[in-house]
N, C-alpha and C. Protein backbone atom coordinates (compact mmCIF):
# COMPACT_ATOMS: atom_id res chain seq x y z
N MET A 1 0.84 -1.18 0.00
CA MET A 1 0.00 0.00 0.00
C MET A 1 0.88 1.23 0.00
N ALA A 2 0.49 2.19 -0.80
CA ALA A 2 1.11 3.51 -0.81
C ALA A 2 -0.02 4.53 -0.69
N LYS A 3 0.25 5.64 -0.05
CA LYS A 3 -0.82 6.61 0.24
C LYS A 3 -0.34 8.03 -0.01
N LEU A 4 -1.26 8.86 -0.51
CA LEU A 4 -0.99 10.27 -0.76
C LEU A 4 -2.19 11.07 -0.28
N GLU A 5 -1.94 12.12 0.49
CA GLU A 5 -3.02 13.02 0.93
C GLU A 5 -2.60 14.45 0.64
N ARG A 6 -3.56 15.23 0.14
CA ARG A 6 -3.32 16.65 -0.16
C ARG A 6 -4.58 17.46 0.04
N THR A 7 -4.39 18.74 0.28
CA THR A 7 -5.48 19.71 0.27
C THR A 7 -5.24 20.59 -0.95
N ILE A 8 -6.29 20.71 -1.78
CA ILE A 8 -6.14 21.38 -3.07
C ILE A 8 -7.17 22.49 -3.20
N TYR A 9 -6.72 23.63 -3.68
CA TYR A 9 -7.60 24.76 -3.93
C TYR A 9 -7.78 24.87 -5.44
N ALA A 10 -8.84 24.26 -5.94
CA ALA A 10 -9.11 24.24 -7.38
C ALA A 10 -10.59 23.99 -7.60
N PRO A 11 -11.10 24.34 -8.77
CA PRO A 11 -12.49 24.01 -9.09
C PRO A 11 -12.68 22.49 -9.14
N TRP A 12 -13.76 22.01 -8.54
CA TRP A 12 -14.04 20.57 -8.44
C TRP A 12 -14.00 19.89 -9.81
N ASP A 13 -14.77 20.41 -10.77
CA ASP A 13 -14.86 19.77 -12.09
C ASP A 13 -13.52 19.75 -12.81
N GLU A 14 -12.76 20.81 -12.68
CA GLU A 14 -11.45 20.88 -13.32
C GLU A 14 -10.50 19.83 -12.72
N LEU A 15 -10.52 19.71 -11.41
CA LEU A 15 -9.66 18.74 -10.74
C LEU A 15 -10.05 17.31 -11.08
N THR A 16 -11.33 16.99 -11.02
CA THR A 16 -11.75 15.61 -11.30
C THR A 16 -11.43 15.22 -12.74
N GLU A 17 -11.60 16.14 -13.67
CA GLU A 17 -11.28 15.86 -15.07
C GLU A 17 -9.77 15.66 -15.26
N ALA A 18 -8.98 16.50 -14.62
CA ALA A 18 -7.52 16.38 -14.74
C ALA A 18 -7.03 15.06 -14.15
N ILE A 19 -7.59 14.64 -13.04
CA ILE A 19 -7.19 13.36 -12.45
C ILE A 19 -7.54 12.21 -13.38
N SER A 20 -8.78 12.16 -13.84
CA SER A 20 -9.20 11.07 -14.73
C SER A 20 -8.37 11.01 -16.00
N SER A 21 -8.24 12.13 -16.69
CA SER A 21 -7.51 12.12 -17.95
C SER A 21 -6.02 11.87 -17.73
N GLY A 22 -5.45 12.43 -16.67
CA GLY A 22 -4.03 12.23 -16.40
C GLY A 22 -3.69 10.79 -16.08
N ILE A 23 -4.53 10.13 -15.29
CA ILE A 23 -4.29 8.73 -14.94
C ILE A 23 -4.50 7.84 -16.16
N LEU A 24 -5.57 8.07 -16.90
CA LEU A 24 -5.87 7.20 -18.04
C LEU A 24 -4.87 7.38 -19.18
N LYS A 25 -4.34 8.57 -19.35
CA LYS A 25 -3.34 8.81 -20.39
C LYS A 25 -1.93 8.42 -19.93
N GLY A 26 -1.78 8.19 -18.63
CA GLY A 26 -0.46 7.91 -18.07
C GLY A 26 0.06 6.51 -18.32
N SER A 27 -0.80 5.60 -18.72
CA SER A 27 -0.38 4.23 -18.98
C SER A 27 -1.36 3.59 -19.96
N ILE A 28 -0.82 2.84 -20.90
CA ILE A 28 -1.68 2.19 -21.90
C ILE A 28 -2.63 1.19 -21.26
N SER A 29 -2.26 0.65 -20.10
CA SER A 29 -3.10 -0.36 -19.45
C SER A 29 -4.03 0.23 -18.38
N SER A 30 -4.00 1.55 -18.19
CA SER A 30 -4.86 2.17 -17.16
C SER A 30 -6.33 2.07 -17.53
N SER A 31 -7.16 1.84 -16.53
CA SER A 31 -8.60 1.80 -16.75
C SER A 31 -9.32 2.44 -15.58
N ASP A 32 -10.49 2.96 -15.86
CA ASP A 32 -11.37 3.53 -14.84
C ASP A 32 -12.34 2.43 -14.44
N GLU A 33 -12.25 1.98 -13.21
CA GLU A 33 -13.05 0.85 -12.75
C GLU A 33 -14.39 1.26 -12.16
N GLY A 34 -14.57 2.55 -11.91
CA GLY A 34 -15.86 3.01 -11.40
C GLY A 34 -15.72 4.21 -10.50
N CYS A 35 -16.85 4.90 -10.32
CA CYS A 35 -16.85 6.13 -9.52
C CYS A 35 -18.20 6.28 -8.85
N SER A 36 -18.18 6.77 -7.61
CA SER A 36 -19.40 7.14 -6.90
C SER A 36 -19.25 8.57 -6.42
N VAL A 37 -20.31 9.35 -6.56
CA VAL A 37 -20.30 10.74 -6.10
C VAL A 37 -21.50 10.93 -5.18
N PHE A 38 -21.22 11.51 -4.01
CA PHE A 38 -22.27 11.77 -3.03
C PHE A 38 -22.31 13.25 -2.72
N THR A 39 -23.51 13.79 -2.57
CA THR A 39 -23.67 15.18 -2.14
C THR A 39 -24.68 15.22 -0.99
N GLU A 40 -24.42 16.10 -0.05
CA GLU A 40 -25.32 16.28 1.08
C GLU A 40 -25.13 17.70 1.58
N GLY A 41 -26.20 18.48 1.50
CA GLY A 41 -26.08 19.88 1.90
C GLY A 41 -25.04 20.57 1.04
N GLY A 42 -24.07 21.17 1.66
CA GLY A 42 -23.00 21.85 0.92
C GLY A 42 -21.75 21.02 0.75
N ALA A 43 -21.82 19.74 1.06
CA ALA A 43 -20.64 18.88 0.95
C ALA A 43 -20.77 17.91 -0.22
N ARG A 44 -19.62 17.51 -0.75
CA ARG A 44 -19.62 16.47 -1.78
C ARG A 44 -18.39 15.58 -1.60
N CYS A 45 -18.56 14.35 -2.03
CA CYS A 45 -17.50 13.35 -1.92
C CYS A 45 -17.51 12.48 -3.17
N SER A 46 -16.34 12.21 -3.68
CA SER A 46 -16.18 11.36 -4.86
C SER A 46 -15.18 10.26 -4.52
N VAL A 47 -15.52 9.03 -4.89
CA VAL A 47 -14.62 7.89 -4.73
C VAL A 47 -14.46 7.24 -6.10
N GLN A 48 -13.22 7.22 -6.61
CA GLN A 48 -12.97 6.69 -7.94
C GLN A 48 -11.84 5.66 -7.86
N VAL A 49 -12.03 4.56 -8.59
CA VAL A 49 -11.04 3.48 -8.59
C VAL A 49 -10.45 3.33 -9.99
N PHE A 50 -9.12 3.33 -10.04
CA PHE A 50 -8.38 3.11 -11.28
C PHE A 50 -7.57 1.83 -11.13
N GLU A 51 -7.20 1.25 -12.26
CA GLU A 51 -6.38 0.06 -12.24
C GLU A 51 -5.43 0.10 -13.41
N ARG A 52 -4.27 -0.52 -13.26
CA ARG A 52 -3.32 -0.63 -14.36
C ARG A 52 -2.40 -1.82 -14.14
N TYR A 53 -1.78 -2.24 -15.21
CA TYR A 53 -0.83 -3.34 -15.14
C TYR A 53 0.54 -2.79 -14.76
N SER A 54 1.21 -3.44 -13.83
CA SER A 54 2.55 -3.05 -13.41
C SER A 54 3.56 -4.02 -14.01
N PHE A 55 4.38 -3.53 -14.93
CA PHE A 55 5.40 -4.39 -15.54
C PHE A 55 6.45 -4.81 -14.52
N LEU A 56 6.79 -3.90 -13.60
CA LEU A 56 7.79 -4.23 -12.58
C LEU A 56 7.30 -5.33 -11.65
N GLY A 57 6.05 -5.27 -11.27
CA GLY A 57 5.50 -6.27 -10.36
C GLY A 57 4.87 -7.45 -11.06
N ASN A 58 4.70 -7.34 -12.38
CA ASN A 58 4.06 -8.38 -13.17
C ASN A 58 2.66 -8.71 -12.63
N ASN A 59 1.92 -7.66 -12.29
CA ASN A 59 0.56 -7.83 -11.76
C ASN A 59 -0.24 -6.55 -11.99
N ARG A 60 -1.48 -6.54 -11.54
CA ARG A 60 -2.32 -5.35 -11.65
C ARG A 60 -2.32 -4.61 -10.32
N VAL A 61 -2.38 -3.30 -10.41
CA VAL A 61 -2.37 -2.43 -9.24
C VAL A 61 -3.61 -1.55 -9.30
N SER A 62 -4.28 -1.36 -8.17
CA SER A 62 -5.43 -0.46 -8.14
C SER A 62 -5.09 0.79 -7.33
N MET A 63 -5.81 1.87 -7.65
CA MET A 63 -5.66 3.12 -6.90
C MET A 63 -7.06 3.69 -6.67
N THR A 64 -7.37 3.93 -5.42
CA THR A 64 -8.63 4.56 -5.06
C THR A 64 -8.36 6.01 -4.71
N VAL A 65 -9.07 6.92 -5.39
CA VAL A 65 -8.91 8.36 -5.17
C VAL A 65 -10.21 8.89 -4.58
N THR A 66 -10.11 9.43 -3.37
CA THR A 66 -11.28 10.01 -2.69
C THR A 66 -11.09 11.51 -2.59
N LEU A 67 -12.11 12.26 -3.01
CA LEU A 67 -12.13 13.72 -2.90
C LEU A 67 -13.28 14.11 -1.99
N PHE A 68 -13.03 15.08 -1.12
CA PHE A 68 -14.09 15.59 -0.24
C PHE A 68 -14.00 17.11 -0.20
N GLN A 69 -15.17 17.76 -0.31
CA GLN A 69 -15.23 19.22 -0.23
C GLN A 69 -16.47 19.62 0.55
N ALA A 70 -16.29 20.49 1.52
CA ALA A 70 -17.41 20.99 2.32
C ALA A 70 -17.68 22.44 1.97
N GLU A 71 -18.90 22.73 1.51
CA GLU A 71 -19.40 24.09 1.29
C GLU A 71 -18.43 25.02 0.57
N GLY A 72 -17.88 24.59 -0.55
CA GLY A 72 -17.02 25.45 -1.36
C GLY A 72 -15.62 25.64 -0.82
N GLY A 73 -15.26 24.93 0.22
CA GLY A 73 -13.92 25.03 0.78
C GLY A 73 -12.91 24.28 -0.07
N PRO A 74 -11.71 24.07 0.48
CA PRO A 74 -10.70 23.33 -0.27
C PRO A 74 -11.12 21.87 -0.46
N ILE A 75 -10.51 21.23 -1.43
CA ILE A 75 -10.79 19.82 -1.70
C ILE A 75 -9.72 19.00 -0.99
N HIS A 76 -10.16 18.03 -0.22
CA HIS A 76 -9.24 17.12 0.46
C HIS A 76 -9.18 15.84 -0.35
N LEU A 77 -7.96 15.42 -0.68
CA LEU A 77 -7.75 14.24 -1.50
C LEU A 77 -7.00 13.18 -0.70
N SER A 78 -7.45 11.95 -0.82
CA SER A 78 -6.74 10.80 -0.29
C SER A 78 -6.68 9.76 -1.39
N ALA A 79 -5.48 9.30 -1.72
CA ALA A 79 -5.30 8.27 -2.74
C ALA A 79 -4.52 7.12 -2.13
N ILE A 80 -5.03 5.90 -2.33
CA ILE A 80 -4.39 4.71 -1.78
C ILE A 80 -4.27 3.68 -2.89
N THR A 81 -3.07 3.13 -3.05
CA THR A 81 -2.84 2.08 -4.03
C THR A 81 -2.74 0.74 -3.32
N ALA A 82 -3.06 -0.33 -4.05
CA ALA A 82 -3.00 -1.68 -3.49
C ALA A 82 -2.81 -2.68 -4.60
N GLY A 83 -2.29 -3.85 -4.24
CA GLY A 83 -2.19 -4.95 -5.18
C GLY A 83 -0.85 -5.07 -5.85
N GLY A 84 0.14 -4.32 -5.43
CA GLY A 84 1.42 -4.33 -6.12
C GLY A 84 2.45 -5.28 -5.56
N SER A 85 2.04 -6.37 -4.92
CA SER A 85 3.01 -7.31 -4.37
C SER A 85 2.73 -8.71 -4.86
N GLN A 86 3.78 -9.51 -4.96
CA GLN A 86 3.63 -10.89 -5.40
C GLN A 86 3.77 -11.87 -4.25
N ALA A 87 4.16 -11.42 -3.09
CA ALA A 87 4.38 -12.32 -1.96
C ALA A 87 3.07 -12.79 -1.36
N ILE A 88 3.12 -13.91 -0.66
CA ILE A 88 1.91 -14.46 -0.05
C ILE A 88 1.63 -13.84 1.31
N PHE A 89 2.66 -13.70 2.15
CA PHE A 89 2.44 -13.24 3.52
C PHE A 89 2.94 -11.83 3.81
N ILE A 90 3.93 -11.34 3.06
CA ILE A 90 4.45 -9.99 3.27
C ILE A 90 4.58 -9.31 1.92
N LYS A 91 4.63 -8.00 1.94
CA LYS A 91 4.81 -7.24 0.70
C LYS A 91 6.29 -7.07 0.43
N ILE A 92 6.74 -7.60 -0.69
CA ILE A 92 8.16 -7.47 -1.01
C ILE A 92 8.41 -6.59 -2.23
N ASN A 93 7.37 -6.24 -2.96
CA ASN A 93 7.54 -5.44 -4.17
C ASN A 93 6.39 -4.46 -4.27
N THR A 94 6.65 -3.22 -3.91
CA THR A 94 5.61 -2.19 -4.00
C THR A 94 5.96 -1.13 -5.04
N PHE A 95 6.89 -1.45 -5.95
CA PHE A 95 7.30 -0.48 -6.97
C PHE A 95 6.12 -0.03 -7.82
N GLY A 96 5.27 -0.96 -8.20
CA GLY A 96 4.12 -0.64 -9.04
C GLY A 96 3.15 0.31 -8.36
N GLU A 97 2.96 0.12 -7.06
CA GLU A 97 2.06 1.00 -6.31
C GLU A 97 2.61 2.42 -6.27
N GLU A 98 3.89 2.56 -5.98
CA GLU A 98 4.51 3.89 -5.92
C GLU A 98 4.51 4.56 -7.29
N ALA A 99 4.76 3.80 -8.33
CA ALA A 99 4.78 4.36 -9.69
C ALA A 99 3.39 4.89 -10.07
N PHE A 100 2.36 4.15 -9.69
CA PHE A 100 0.99 4.57 -9.99
C PHE A 100 0.67 5.86 -9.24
N LEU A 101 1.06 5.91 -7.98
CA LEU A 101 0.81 7.10 -7.17
C LEU A 101 1.62 8.29 -7.69
N ASN A 102 2.80 8.04 -8.21
CA ASN A 102 3.61 9.13 -8.77
C ASN A 102 2.94 9.78 -9.98
N LYS A 103 2.20 9.00 -10.76
CA LYS A 103 1.46 9.57 -11.89
C LYS A 103 0.42 10.56 -11.38
N LEU A 104 -0.26 10.22 -10.29
CA LEU A 104 -1.23 11.14 -9.69
C LEU A 104 -0.52 12.38 -9.15
N ARG A 105 0.64 12.20 -8.53
CA ARG A 105 1.40 13.36 -8.02
C ARG A 105 1.70 14.35 -9.15
N GLU A 106 2.07 13.82 -10.32
CA GLU A 106 2.34 14.69 -11.47
C GLU A 106 1.11 15.51 -11.85
N VAL A 107 -0.05 14.88 -11.85
CA VAL A 107 -1.30 15.58 -12.17
C VAL A 107 -1.57 16.66 -11.12
N LEU A 108 -1.42 16.32 -9.85
CA LEU A 108 -1.73 17.26 -8.78
C LEU A 108 -0.74 18.41 -8.71
N ASP A 109 0.49 18.18 -9.14
CA ASP A 109 1.49 19.26 -9.12
C ASP A 109 1.10 20.42 -10.03
N GLU A 110 0.24 20.16 -11.00
CA GLU A 110 -0.26 21.23 -11.86
C GLU A 110 -1.17 22.20 -11.09
N PHE A 111 -1.67 21.77 -9.95
CA PHE A 111 -2.57 22.60 -9.14
C PHE A 111 -1.88 23.24 -7.95
N SER A 112 -0.57 23.10 -7.85
CA SER A 112 0.17 23.67 -6.71
C SER A 112 0.42 25.15 -6.88
């Protein structure tokens, strides 16, 4: 597992589009596995799952990106990757997870 958390000051729609397109264009094997969006009062939350093949790990890696915004405030992002290990009992190879998360970091750096 690898994890990234940030607070971002950007328009919601612009950020969500940049994340989706950046991740999907970042690897030929990237896919959008699904998304849920919830709104309540002035708050909104989005949970999106991406997946891609990791050549280094010789397996598939998933990344869940959660965005939360309350009443027009900043957007809080949490991204967690999983599935990048080949071991049975311990994780010995997390290169694929970190590489996937680094692609998201590149997208988010455009909003810094």
